[in-house]
Amino acid sequence: MPQYLVAIHHPDGYDESLEDEAMHRDIDVLNDEMEAAGVRVFVGGLSPASSARSLRAQPDGKVLITDGPYLETKEHIGGFWVLEAANLNDALAWARKAAIACRAPVEVRAVWRPD
């Protein structure tokens, strides 16, 4: 069955203290629903983008490590689910629920698998 990444986006400098008990409850309910439906493969939250390290291969064969995310953007992935869904429409249905529960923008992408 195809797998999909459902990624939650947070603004740069996201303040987790803005998350209230109702939001955490809604996310827990969604996780339980996904698990009961057998679609949830993996779920995880990420540390702030400011704690990321980026690695870039250099022409001389060395690897440069820098502090911070790879891309300088106004939004970063704050958490994600990997779901097994029959098709993109089913994944989007779950993503709609995620956007509501997380009160944040959500991105859905199919996990690429070579044929």
N, C-alpha and C. Protein backbone atom coordinates (compact mmCIF):
# COMPACT_ATOMS: atom_id res chain seq x y z
N MET A 1 0.86 -1.18 0.00
CA MET A 1 0.00 0.00 0.00
C MET A 1 0.91 1.24 0.00
N PRO A 2 0.53 2.28 -0.73
CA PRO A 2 1.35 3.49 -0.77
C PRO A 2 1.46 4.15 0.60
N GLN A 3 2.59 4.79 0.81
CA GLN A 3 2.82 5.53 2.05
C GLN A 3 2.90 7.03 1.73
N TYR A 4 2.48 7.83 2.69
CA TYR A 4 2.46 9.28 2.52
C TYR A 4 3.03 9.95 3.76
N LEU A 5 3.81 10.99 3.53
CA LEU A 5 4.29 11.84 4.60
C LEU A 5 3.28 12.96 4.79
N VAL A 6 2.80 13.13 6.00
CA VAL A 6 1.92 14.23 6.36
C VAL A 6 2.73 15.09 7.32
N ALA A 7 3.22 16.23 6.81
CA ALA A 7 4.15 17.07 7.57
C ALA A 7 3.43 18.32 8.08
N ILE A 8 3.64 18.62 9.35
CA ILE A 8 3.07 19.80 9.99
C ILE A 8 4.11 20.91 9.93
N HIS A 9 3.71 22.08 9.46
CA HIS A 9 4.63 23.22 9.36
C HIS A 9 4.38 24.23 10.46
N HIS A 10 5.47 24.69 11.04
CA HIS A 10 5.42 25.74 12.06
C HIS A 10 6.20 26.94 11.56
N PRO A 11 5.81 28.14 11.98
CA PRO A 11 6.58 29.31 11.59
C PRO A 11 7.95 29.29 12.27
N ASP A 12 8.91 29.96 11.65
CA ASP A 12 10.24 30.06 12.24
C ASP A 12 10.11 30.66 13.64
N GLY A 13 10.80 30.09 14.60
CA GLY A 13 10.73 30.57 15.98
C GLY A 13 9.44 30.17 16.69
N TYR A 14 8.81 29.10 16.25
CA TYR A 14 7.54 28.64 16.81
C TYR A 14 7.63 28.51 18.33
N ASP A 15 6.62 29.01 19.00
CA ASP A 15 6.57 28.98 20.46
C ASP A 15 5.62 27.87 20.90
N GLU A 16 6.19 26.76 21.39
CA GLU A 16 5.37 25.62 21.80
C GLU A 16 4.44 25.95 22.97
N SER A 17 4.74 27.01 23.72
CA SER A 17 3.89 27.35 24.86
C SER A 17 2.50 27.81 24.39
N LEU A 18 2.35 28.09 23.10
CA LEU A 18 1.04 28.49 22.56
C LEU A 18 0.12 27.30 22.38
N GLU A 19 0.67 26.09 22.47
CA GLU A 19 -0.15 24.88 22.34
C GLU A 19 -0.90 24.66 23.64
N ASP A 20 -2.21 24.58 23.55
CA ASP A 20 -3.00 24.39 24.76
C ASP A 20 -3.42 22.93 24.93
N GLU A 21 -4.07 22.68 26.04
CA GLU A 21 -4.50 21.31 26.37
C GLU A 21 -5.47 20.77 25.32
N ALA A 22 -6.33 21.62 24.80
CA ALA A 22 -7.31 21.19 23.79
C ALA A 22 -6.60 20.72 22.52
N MET A 23 -5.56 21.43 22.13
CA MET A 23 -4.82 21.04 20.93
C MET A 23 -4.15 19.68 21.14
N HIS A 24 -3.51 19.49 22.28
CA HIS A 24 -2.87 18.20 22.57
C HIS A 24 -3.90 17.08 22.59
N ARG A 25 -5.06 17.35 23.15
CA ARG A 25 -6.13 16.35 23.18
C ARG A 25 -6.58 16.00 21.76
N ASP A 26 -6.76 17.02 20.92
CA ASP A 26 -7.20 16.79 19.54
C ASP A 26 -6.18 15.96 18.77
N ILE A 27 -4.90 16.21 18.99
CA ILE A 27 -3.85 15.44 18.32
C ILE A 27 -3.85 14.00 18.84
N ASP A 28 -4.03 13.82 20.14
CA ASP A 28 -4.09 12.46 20.71
C ASP A 28 -5.27 11.69 20.13
N VAL A 29 -6.42 12.35 20.00
CA VAL A 29 -7.61 11.71 19.43
C VAL A 29 -7.33 11.31 17.98
N LEU A 30 -6.69 12.20 17.22
CA LEU A 30 -6.35 11.88 15.83
C LEU A 30 -5.39 10.70 15.76
N ASN A 31 -4.37 10.69 16.62
CA ASN A 31 -3.44 9.57 16.64
C ASN A 31 -4.16 8.26 16.95
N ASP A 32 -5.06 8.29 17.90
CA ASP A 32 -5.83 7.08 18.24
C ASP A 32 -6.68 6.63 17.05
N GLU A 33 -7.29 7.61 16.36
CA GLU A 33 -8.13 7.28 15.20
C GLU A 33 -7.29 6.68 14.07
N MET A 34 -6.11 7.25 13.83
CA MET A 34 -5.22 6.72 12.80
C MET A 34 -4.77 5.30 13.13
N GLU A 35 -4.45 5.09 14.40
CA GLU A 35 -4.00 3.77 14.82
C GLU A 35 -5.13 2.75 14.69
N ALA A 36 -6.32 3.12 15.10
CA ALA A 36 -7.47 2.22 15.01
C ALA A 36 -7.80 1.88 13.56
N ALA A 37 -7.59 2.82 12.65
CA ALA A 37 -7.85 2.60 11.23
C ALA A 37 -6.72 1.82 10.55
N GLY A 38 -5.62 1.65 11.26
CA GLY A 38 -4.50 0.90 10.71
C GLY A 38 -3.70 1.65 9.65
N VAL A 39 -3.79 2.99 9.65
CA VAL A 39 -3.07 3.76 8.63
C VAL A 39 -1.74 4.33 9.14
N ARG A 40 -1.61 4.47 10.44
CA ARG A 40 -0.42 5.12 10.99
C ARG A 40 0.75 4.16 11.02
N VAL A 41 1.82 4.53 10.34
CA VAL A 41 3.06 3.75 10.34
C VAL A 41 4.01 4.30 11.40
N PHE A 42 4.14 5.63 11.43
CA PHE A 42 5.08 6.28 12.33
C PHE A 42 4.63 7.71 12.54
N VAL A 43 4.87 8.24 13.72
CA VAL A 43 4.56 9.64 14.03
C VAL A 43 5.71 10.20 14.85
N GLY A 44 6.03 11.46 14.63
CA GLY A 44 7.10 12.06 15.41
C GLY A 44 7.05 13.57 15.38
N GLY A 45 7.49 14.15 16.45
CA GLY A 45 7.68 15.60 16.52
C GLY A 45 9.16 15.88 16.38
N LEU A 46 9.49 17.07 15.92
CA LEU A 46 10.88 17.44 15.71
C LEU A 46 11.29 18.58 16.64
N SER A 47 12.55 18.59 17.00
CA SER A 47 13.08 19.70 17.79
C SER A 47 13.07 20.95 16.92
N PRO A 48 13.22 22.13 17.52
CA PRO A 48 13.18 23.36 16.73
C PRO A 48 14.22 23.36 15.61
N ALA A 49 13.87 24.01 14.50
CA ALA A 49 14.77 24.08 13.34
C ALA A 49 16.11 24.71 13.71
N SER A 50 16.10 25.57 14.71
CA SER A 50 17.35 26.22 15.12
C SER A 50 18.36 25.23 15.67
N SER A 51 17.92 24.05 16.08
CA SER A 51 18.83 23.03 16.61
C SER A 51 19.35 22.08 15.54
N ALA A 52 18.91 22.28 14.30
CA ALA A 52 19.32 21.41 13.19
C ALA A 52 20.79 21.63 12.84
N ARG A 53 21.37 20.64 12.21
CA ARG A 53 22.71 20.74 11.62
C ARG A 53 22.58 20.34 10.17
N SER A 54 23.20 21.09 9.29
CA SER A 54 23.15 20.80 7.85
C SER A 54 24.52 20.37 7.37
N LEU A 55 24.55 19.34 6.55
CA LEU A 55 25.80 18.82 6.01
C LEU A 55 25.79 18.95 4.50
N ARG A 56 26.91 19.44 3.96
CA ARG A 56 27.04 19.62 2.51
C ARG A 56 28.37 19.05 2.06
N ALA A 57 28.31 18.19 1.06
CA ALA A 57 29.53 17.65 0.48
C ALA A 57 30.25 18.76 -0.28
N GLN A 58 31.56 18.83 -0.12
CA GLN A 58 32.39 19.83 -0.78
C GLN A 58 33.13 19.20 -1.95
N PRO A 59 33.56 20.01 -2.91
CA PRO A 59 34.29 19.47 -4.07
C PRO A 59 35.54 18.68 -3.70
N ASP A 60 36.16 19.02 -2.55
CA ASP A 60 37.39 18.34 -2.15
C ASP A 60 37.12 17.01 -1.43
N GLY A 61 35.83 16.61 -1.34
CA GLY A 61 35.47 15.35 -0.71
C GLY A 61 35.16 15.47 0.77
N LYS A 62 35.41 16.63 1.36
CA LYS A 62 35.08 16.84 2.77
C LYS A 62 33.61 17.22 2.89
N VAL A 63 33.13 17.20 4.12
CA VAL A 63 31.74 17.56 4.37
C VAL A 63 31.72 18.76 5.33
N LEU A 64 31.03 19.80 4.92
CA LEU A 64 30.88 21.00 5.73
C LEU A 64 29.63 20.86 6.59
N ILE A 65 29.78 21.06 7.90
CA ILE A 65 28.64 20.99 8.83
C ILE A 65 28.40 22.40 9.34
N THR A 66 27.15 22.86 9.19
CA THR A 66 26.79 24.19 9.68
C THR A 66 25.60 24.09 10.62
N ASP A 67 25.48 25.07 11.50
CA ASP A 67 24.34 25.13 12.41
C ASP A 67 23.12 25.62 11.66
N GLY A 68 21.97 25.07 12.03
CA GLY A 68 20.71 25.54 11.46
C GLY A 68 20.19 24.64 10.37
N PRO A 69 18.97 24.92 9.93
CA PRO A 69 18.33 24.10 8.90
C PRO A 69 19.00 24.29 7.55
N TYR A 70 18.79 23.35 6.67
CA TYR A 70 19.35 23.39 5.33
C TYR A 70 18.82 24.60 4.56
N LEU A 71 17.53 24.84 4.66
CA LEU A 71 16.90 25.95 3.96
C LEU A 71 16.57 27.07 4.94
N GLU A 72 16.80 28.29 4.54
CA GLU A 72 16.39 29.43 5.33
C GLU A 72 14.99 29.82 4.86
N THR A 73 14.00 29.44 5.64
CA THR A 73 12.61 29.69 5.27
C THR A 73 11.87 30.27 6.45
N LYS A 74 10.65 30.69 6.21
CA LYS A 74 9.81 31.24 7.28
C LYS A 74 9.03 30.16 8.00
N GLU A 75 9.02 28.93 7.44
CA GLU A 75 8.34 27.81 8.07
C GLU A 75 9.23 26.58 8.03
N HIS A 76 9.06 25.71 9.02
CA HIS A 76 9.84 24.48 9.12
C HIS A 76 8.91 23.35 9.52
N ILE A 77 9.31 22.12 9.21
CA ILE A 77 8.53 20.96 9.64
C ILE A 77 8.70 20.80 11.14
N GLY A 78 7.58 20.79 11.83
CA GLY A 78 7.60 20.65 13.28
C GLY A 78 7.26 19.24 13.75
N GLY A 79 6.63 18.48 12.89
CA GLY A 79 6.25 17.11 13.21
C GLY A 79 5.68 16.46 11.98
N PHE A 80 5.44 15.15 12.07
CA PHE A 80 4.98 14.44 10.88
C PHE A 80 4.38 13.10 11.25
N TRP A 81 3.62 12.60 10.30
CA TRP A 81 3.13 11.22 10.32
C TRP A 81 3.57 10.55 9.03
N VAL A 82 3.82 9.27 9.07
CA VAL A 82 3.93 8.45 7.88
C VAL A 82 2.71 7.54 7.92
N LEU A 83 1.90 7.64 6.87
CA LEU A 83 0.65 6.88 6.81
C LEU A 83 0.65 5.93 5.62
N GLU A 84 -0.04 4.82 5.79
CA GLU A 84 -0.33 3.93 4.65
C GLU A 84 -1.77 4.20 4.27
N ALA A 85 -1.97 4.63 3.04
CA ALA A 85 -3.31 4.94 2.57
C ALA A 85 -3.48 4.37 1.17
N ALA A 86 -4.70 4.05 0.81
CA ALA A 86 -4.97 3.44 -0.49
C ALA A 86 -4.58 4.36 -1.64
N ASN A 87 -4.73 5.69 -1.42
CA ASN A 87 -4.44 6.64 -2.49
C ASN A 87 -4.28 8.03 -1.90
N LEU A 88 -3.95 8.98 -2.77
CA LEU A 88 -3.72 10.35 -2.33
C LEU A 88 -4.97 10.95 -1.69
N ASN A 89 -6.13 10.67 -2.23
CA ASN A 89 -7.36 11.22 -1.65
C ASN A 89 -7.57 10.77 -0.22
N ASP A 90 -7.27 9.51 0.08
CA ASP A 90 -7.38 9.02 1.46
C ASP A 90 -6.35 9.72 2.35
N ALA A 91 -5.13 9.89 1.85
CA ALA A 91 -4.10 10.59 2.62
C ALA A 91 -4.51 12.04 2.88
N LEU A 92 -5.11 12.69 1.89
CA LEU A 92 -5.56 14.07 2.06
C LEU A 92 -6.68 14.17 3.10
N ALA A 93 -7.53 13.16 3.18
CA ALA A 93 -8.59 13.16 4.19
C ALA A 93 -7.98 13.16 5.59
N TRP A 94 -6.94 12.34 5.79
CA TRP A 94 -6.25 12.34 7.08
C TRP A 94 -5.53 13.66 7.32
N ALA A 95 -4.94 14.21 6.28
CA ALA A 95 -4.21 15.48 6.40
C ALA A 95 -5.15 16.62 6.79
N ARG A 96 -6.38 16.60 6.28
CA ARG A 96 -7.36 17.61 6.68
C ARG A 96 -7.57 17.57 8.20
N LYS A 97 -7.71 16.36 8.71
CA LYS A 97 -7.89 16.21 10.16
C LYS A 97 -6.66 16.69 10.91
N ALA A 98 -5.47 16.43 10.35
CA ALA A 98 -4.23 16.86 10.99
C ALA A 98 -4.13 18.39 11.03
N ALA A 99 -4.52 19.04 9.94
CA ALA A 99 -4.47 20.51 9.89
C ALA A 99 -5.39 21.11 10.95
N ILE A 100 -6.54 20.49 11.15
CA ILE A 100 -7.48 20.98 12.15
C ILE A 100 -6.95 20.71 13.56
N ALA A 101 -6.48 19.50 13.82
CA ALA A 101 -6.00 19.14 15.15
C ALA A 101 -4.77 19.95 15.54
N CYS A 102 -3.86 20.15 14.60
CA CYS A 102 -2.59 20.84 14.88
C CYS A 102 -2.69 22.35 14.75
N ARG A 103 -3.79 22.80 14.14
CA ARG A 103 -3.97 24.24 13.95
C ARG A 103 -2.78 24.84 13.20
N ALA A 104 -2.35 24.12 12.16
CA ALA A 104 -1.16 24.52 11.41
C ALA A 104 -1.26 24.02 9.98
N PRO A 105 -0.50 24.63 9.07
CA PRO A 105 -0.47 24.13 7.70
C PRO A 105 0.11 22.72 7.63
N VAL A 106 -0.38 21.94 6.68
CA VAL A 106 0.05 20.55 6.51
C VAL A 106 0.43 20.32 5.06
N GLU A 107 1.47 19.55 4.85
CA GLU A 107 1.90 19.16 3.50
C GLU A 107 1.81 17.64 3.39
N VAL A 108 1.33 17.16 2.25
CA VAL A 108 1.23 15.72 2.00
C VAL A 108 2.10 15.39 0.79
N ARG A 109 2.94 14.37 0.98
CA ARG A 109 3.79 13.91 -0.14
C ARG A 109 3.85 12.40 -0.11
N ALA A 110 3.76 11.81 -1.29
CA ALA A 110 3.89 10.35 -1.40
C ALA A 110 5.35 9.98 -1.12
N VAL A 111 5.53 8.86 -0.45
CA VAL A 111 6.87 8.32 -0.23
C VAL A 111 7.27 7.61 -1.52
N TRP A 112 8.37 8.03 -2.10
CA TRP A 112 8.81 7.48 -3.37
C TRP A 112 9.38 6.09 -3.16
N ARG A 113 8.95 5.19 -3.99
CA ARG A 113 9.47 3.81 -3.99
C ARG A 113 9.82 3.43 -5.41
N PRO A 114 11.03 2.99 -5.66
CA PRO A 114 11.37 2.57 -7.02
C PRO A 114 10.56 1.34 -7.41
N ASP A 115 10.20 1.28 -8.67
CA ASP A 115 9.40 0.13 -9.15
C ASP A 115 10.25 -1.10 -9.32
